[in-house]
N, C-alpha and C. Protein backbone atom coordinates (compact mmCIF):
# COMPACT_ATOMS: atom_id res chain seq x y z
N PRO A 1 -7.82 9.30 -0.86
CA PRO A 1 -8.92 9.37 0.11
C PRO A 1 -8.40 9.53 1.54
N PRO A 2 -9.23 10.00 2.44
CA PRO A 2 -8.78 10.20 3.83
C PRO A 2 -8.26 8.92 4.47
N GLU A 3 -8.81 7.79 4.09
CA GLU A 3 -8.35 6.52 4.66
C GLU A 3 -6.90 6.22 4.28
N ALA A 4 -6.48 6.67 3.10
CA ALA A 4 -5.09 6.48 2.68
C ALA A 4 -4.17 7.34 3.54
N ARG A 5 -4.59 8.55 3.84
CA ARG A 5 -3.78 9.41 4.71
C ARG A 5 -3.62 8.78 6.09
N ASP A 6 -4.69 8.13 6.58
CA ASP A 6 -4.63 7.45 7.88
C ASP A 6 -3.56 6.35 7.86
N ILE A 7 -3.54 5.55 6.80
CA ILE A 7 -2.56 4.46 6.71
C ILE A 7 -1.14 5.01 6.55
N ILE A 8 -0.98 6.08 5.79
CA ILE A 8 0.34 6.68 5.65
C ILE A 8 0.86 7.14 7.01
N ARG A 9 0.00 7.69 7.83
CA ARG A 9 0.41 8.09 9.19
C ARG A 9 0.80 6.86 10.01
N LEU A 10 0.03 5.77 9.90
CA LEU A 10 0.37 4.54 10.63
C LEU A 10 1.71 3.97 10.16
N ILE A 11 1.95 4.02 8.86
CA ILE A 11 3.22 3.53 8.32
C ILE A 11 4.38 4.33 8.93
N ALA A 12 4.23 5.64 8.98
CA ALA A 12 5.27 6.51 9.53
C ALA A 12 5.54 6.20 11.00
N ARG A 13 4.49 5.80 11.73
CA ARG A 13 4.63 5.48 13.16
C ARG A 13 5.05 4.03 13.38
N GLY A 14 4.96 3.20 12.35
CA GLY A 14 5.29 1.79 12.51
C GLY A 14 4.15 0.93 13.01
N GLY A 15 2.91 1.42 12.88
CA GLY A 15 1.73 0.65 13.26
C GLY A 15 1.12 1.18 14.54
N PRO A 16 0.20 0.43 15.10
CA PRO A 16 -0.27 -0.90 14.72
C PRO A 16 -1.21 -0.84 13.52
N PHE A 17 -1.22 -1.91 12.74
CA PHE A 17 -2.01 -1.96 11.52
C PHE A 17 -3.25 -2.82 11.72
N PRO A 18 -4.33 -2.47 11.02
CA PRO A 18 -5.60 -3.17 11.24
C PRO A 18 -5.68 -4.58 10.66
N TYR A 19 -4.83 -4.93 9.71
CA TYR A 19 -4.90 -6.25 9.07
C TYR A 19 -3.57 -6.97 9.23
N ARG A 20 -3.62 -8.26 9.47
CA ARG A 20 -2.38 -9.03 9.66
C ARG A 20 -1.53 -9.06 8.40
N GLN A 21 -2.15 -8.85 7.23
CA GLN A 21 -1.41 -8.84 5.97
C GLN A 21 -0.63 -7.55 5.75
N ASP A 22 -0.95 -6.51 6.51
CA ASP A 22 -0.29 -5.22 6.33
C ASP A 22 1.20 -5.35 6.62
N GLY A 23 1.99 -4.84 5.69
CA GLY A 23 3.44 -4.88 5.83
C GLY A 23 4.11 -6.04 5.11
N VAL A 24 3.30 -6.92 4.49
CA VAL A 24 3.90 -8.05 3.77
C VAL A 24 4.59 -7.55 2.50
N VAL A 25 5.50 -8.35 2.00
CA VAL A 25 6.24 -8.00 0.79
C VAL A 25 5.27 -7.97 -0.40
N PHE A 26 5.36 -6.90 -1.17
CA PHE A 26 4.62 -6.78 -2.43
C PHE A 26 5.59 -7.14 -3.54
N GLU A 27 5.23 -8.13 -4.33
CA GLU A 27 6.14 -8.71 -5.33
C GLU A 27 6.20 -7.95 -6.66
N ASN A 28 5.29 -7.01 -6.89
CA ASN A 28 5.28 -6.25 -8.14
C ASN A 28 5.16 -7.16 -9.37
N ARG A 29 4.35 -8.20 -9.26
CA ARG A 29 4.17 -9.15 -10.37
C ARG A 29 3.60 -8.49 -11.61
N GLU A 30 2.83 -7.43 -11.41
CA GLU A 30 2.24 -6.71 -12.54
C GLU A 30 3.28 -5.90 -13.30
N ARG A 31 4.42 -5.67 -12.68
CA ARG A 31 5.55 -4.91 -13.24
C ARG A 31 5.16 -3.48 -13.63
N LEU A 32 4.26 -2.90 -12.85
CA LEU A 32 3.85 -1.53 -13.10
C LEU A 32 4.68 -0.52 -12.30
N LEU A 33 5.31 -0.99 -11.25
CA LEU A 33 6.21 -0.15 -10.46
C LEU A 33 7.64 -0.37 -10.96
N PRO A 34 8.55 0.55 -10.66
CA PRO A 34 9.94 0.34 -11.07
C PRO A 34 10.47 -1.00 -10.57
N SER A 35 11.25 -1.66 -11.39
CA SER A 35 11.80 -2.97 -11.05
C SER A 35 12.81 -2.84 -9.92
N ARG A 36 12.60 -3.61 -8.86
CA ARG A 36 13.49 -3.63 -7.70
C ARG A 36 13.61 -5.07 -7.22
N SER A 37 14.56 -5.33 -6.36
CA SER A 37 14.74 -6.68 -5.83
C SER A 37 13.58 -7.07 -4.92
N SER A 38 13.39 -8.37 -4.77
CA SER A 38 12.33 -8.89 -3.90
C SER A 38 12.54 -8.37 -2.48
N GLY A 39 11.47 -7.95 -1.86
CA GLY A 39 11.53 -7.40 -0.52
C GLY A 39 11.62 -5.89 -0.47
N TYR A 40 11.77 -5.26 -1.62
CA TYR A 40 11.89 -3.80 -1.68
C TYR A 40 10.55 -3.12 -1.38
N TYR A 41 9.47 -3.69 -1.90
CA TYR A 41 8.13 -3.11 -1.73
C TYR A 41 7.34 -3.85 -0.66
N HIS A 42 6.50 -3.10 0.07
CA HIS A 42 5.58 -3.69 1.04
C HIS A 42 4.20 -3.06 0.84
N GLU A 43 3.17 -3.82 1.19
CA GLU A 43 1.81 -3.33 0.97
C GLU A 43 1.02 -3.19 2.26
N TYR A 44 0.09 -2.22 2.23
CA TYR A 44 -0.76 -1.93 3.38
C TYR A 44 -2.18 -1.68 2.88
N THR A 45 -3.14 -2.17 3.63
CA THR A 45 -4.55 -2.03 3.27
C THR A 45 -5.04 -0.62 3.55
N VAL A 46 -5.77 -0.06 2.60
CA VAL A 46 -6.48 1.20 2.79
C VAL A 46 -7.95 0.84 2.95
N GLU A 47 -8.51 1.14 4.10
CA GLU A 47 -9.91 0.82 4.37
C GLU A 47 -10.82 1.32 3.26
N THR A 48 -11.81 0.51 2.91
CA THR A 48 -12.83 0.88 1.95
C THR A 48 -14.17 0.88 2.68
N PRO A 49 -14.71 2.06 3.00
CA PRO A 49 -15.97 2.11 3.74
C PRO A 49 -17.05 1.28 3.04
N GLY A 50 -17.73 0.47 3.83
CA GLY A 50 -18.81 -0.35 3.31
C GLY A 50 -18.38 -1.67 2.72
N SER A 51 -17.09 -1.90 2.58
CA SER A 51 -16.61 -3.17 2.00
C SER A 51 -16.64 -4.26 3.06
N PRO A 52 -17.13 -5.46 2.70
CA PRO A 52 -17.16 -6.55 3.67
C PRO A 52 -15.80 -7.23 3.87
N ASP A 53 -14.81 -6.86 3.05
CA ASP A 53 -13.48 -7.46 3.18
C ASP A 53 -12.43 -6.35 3.08
N ARG A 54 -11.20 -6.69 2.79
CA ARG A 54 -10.12 -5.69 2.72
C ARG A 54 -10.31 -4.72 1.56
N GLY A 55 -11.10 -5.06 0.59
CA GLY A 55 -11.30 -4.17 -0.55
C GLY A 55 -10.10 -4.17 -1.47
N ALA A 56 -10.07 -3.23 -2.41
CA ALA A 56 -9.05 -3.21 -3.46
C ALA A 56 -7.99 -2.12 -3.27
N ARG A 57 -8.14 -1.31 -2.25
CA ARG A 57 -7.25 -0.16 -2.10
C ARG A 57 -6.03 -0.51 -1.25
N ARG A 58 -4.85 -0.07 -1.73
CA ARG A 58 -3.60 -0.35 -1.02
C ARG A 58 -2.63 0.83 -1.15
N ILE A 59 -1.77 0.94 -0.16
CA ILE A 59 -0.58 1.77 -0.24
C ILE A 59 0.59 0.81 -0.37
N ILE A 60 1.47 1.07 -1.33
CA ILE A 60 2.69 0.29 -1.50
C ILE A 60 3.85 1.21 -1.13
N THR A 61 4.73 0.71 -0.26
CA THR A 61 5.90 1.49 0.12
C THR A 61 7.14 0.90 -0.53
N GLY A 62 8.07 1.77 -0.86
CA GLY A 62 9.35 1.33 -1.40
C GLY A 62 10.45 1.52 -0.37
N GLY A 63 11.54 0.84 -0.56
CA GLY A 63 12.65 0.85 0.37
C GLY A 63 13.32 2.19 0.56
N GLN A 64 13.09 3.13 -0.33
CA GLN A 64 13.68 4.47 -0.19
C GLN A 64 12.64 5.51 0.23
N GLY A 65 11.49 5.02 0.74
CA GLY A 65 10.47 5.91 1.26
C GLY A 65 9.39 6.31 0.27
N GLU A 66 9.47 5.85 -0.97
CA GLU A 66 8.44 6.21 -1.92
C GLU A 66 7.13 5.51 -1.58
N LEU A 67 6.01 6.15 -1.97
CA LEU A 67 4.67 5.63 -1.70
C LEU A 67 3.87 5.60 -2.99
N TYR A 68 3.10 4.53 -3.16
CA TYR A 68 2.20 4.40 -4.31
C TYR A 68 0.82 4.01 -3.79
N TYR A 69 -0.21 4.46 -4.50
CA TYR A 69 -1.59 4.14 -4.15
C TYR A 69 -2.25 3.43 -5.32
N THR A 70 -3.01 2.37 -5.00
CA THR A 70 -3.85 1.71 -5.99
C THR A 70 -5.26 1.58 -5.42
N ASP A 71 -6.25 1.86 -6.23
CA ASP A 71 -7.63 1.65 -5.79
C ASP A 71 -8.32 0.58 -6.62
N ASP A 72 -7.53 -0.12 -7.46
CA ASP A 72 -8.09 -1.16 -8.33
C ASP A 72 -7.30 -2.47 -8.23
N HIS A 73 -6.81 -2.73 -7.03
CA HIS A 73 -6.10 -3.98 -6.71
C HIS A 73 -4.96 -4.26 -7.67
N TYR A 74 -4.05 -3.31 -7.78
CA TYR A 74 -2.79 -3.43 -8.52
C TYR A 74 -2.91 -3.31 -10.04
N ALA A 75 -4.06 -2.90 -10.57
CA ALA A 75 -4.17 -2.70 -12.02
C ALA A 75 -3.52 -1.38 -12.43
N SER A 76 -3.44 -0.43 -11.50
CA SER A 76 -2.78 0.85 -11.77
C SER A 76 -2.27 1.42 -10.45
N PHE A 77 -1.31 2.33 -10.55
CA PHE A 77 -0.73 2.96 -9.36
C PHE A 77 -0.55 4.44 -9.60
N ARG A 78 -0.64 5.20 -8.52
CA ARG A 78 -0.32 6.63 -8.55
C ARG A 78 0.71 6.90 -7.47
N ARG A 79 1.72 7.66 -7.79
CA ARG A 79 2.74 8.03 -6.81
C ARG A 79 2.12 9.00 -5.82
N VAL A 80 2.38 8.80 -4.55
CA VAL A 80 1.85 9.65 -3.48
C VAL A 80 2.97 10.55 -3.00
N VAL A 81 2.67 11.83 -2.89
CA VAL A 81 3.61 12.79 -2.32
C VAL A 81 3.04 13.20 -0.98
N PRO A 82 3.67 12.71 0.12
CA PRO A 82 3.10 13.02 1.45
C PRO A 82 3.21 14.48 1.82
């Protein structure tokens, strides 16, 4: 969605991000992403129009520049090619 493209641009610029949780370590507890050491992944909120809270959409970044998108709060991921 266009909101994900907006966040990807913010990530590339280093912010500023709309939520204080943006940039926190994503632990990959679901084990759906490739296994990496703690601190390798970070998560960022993708705005959900009409949602009263952060919603379920996120961009996950990896330490080597890879990007993943989830719109179901970590139940599934899609690799993003910028």
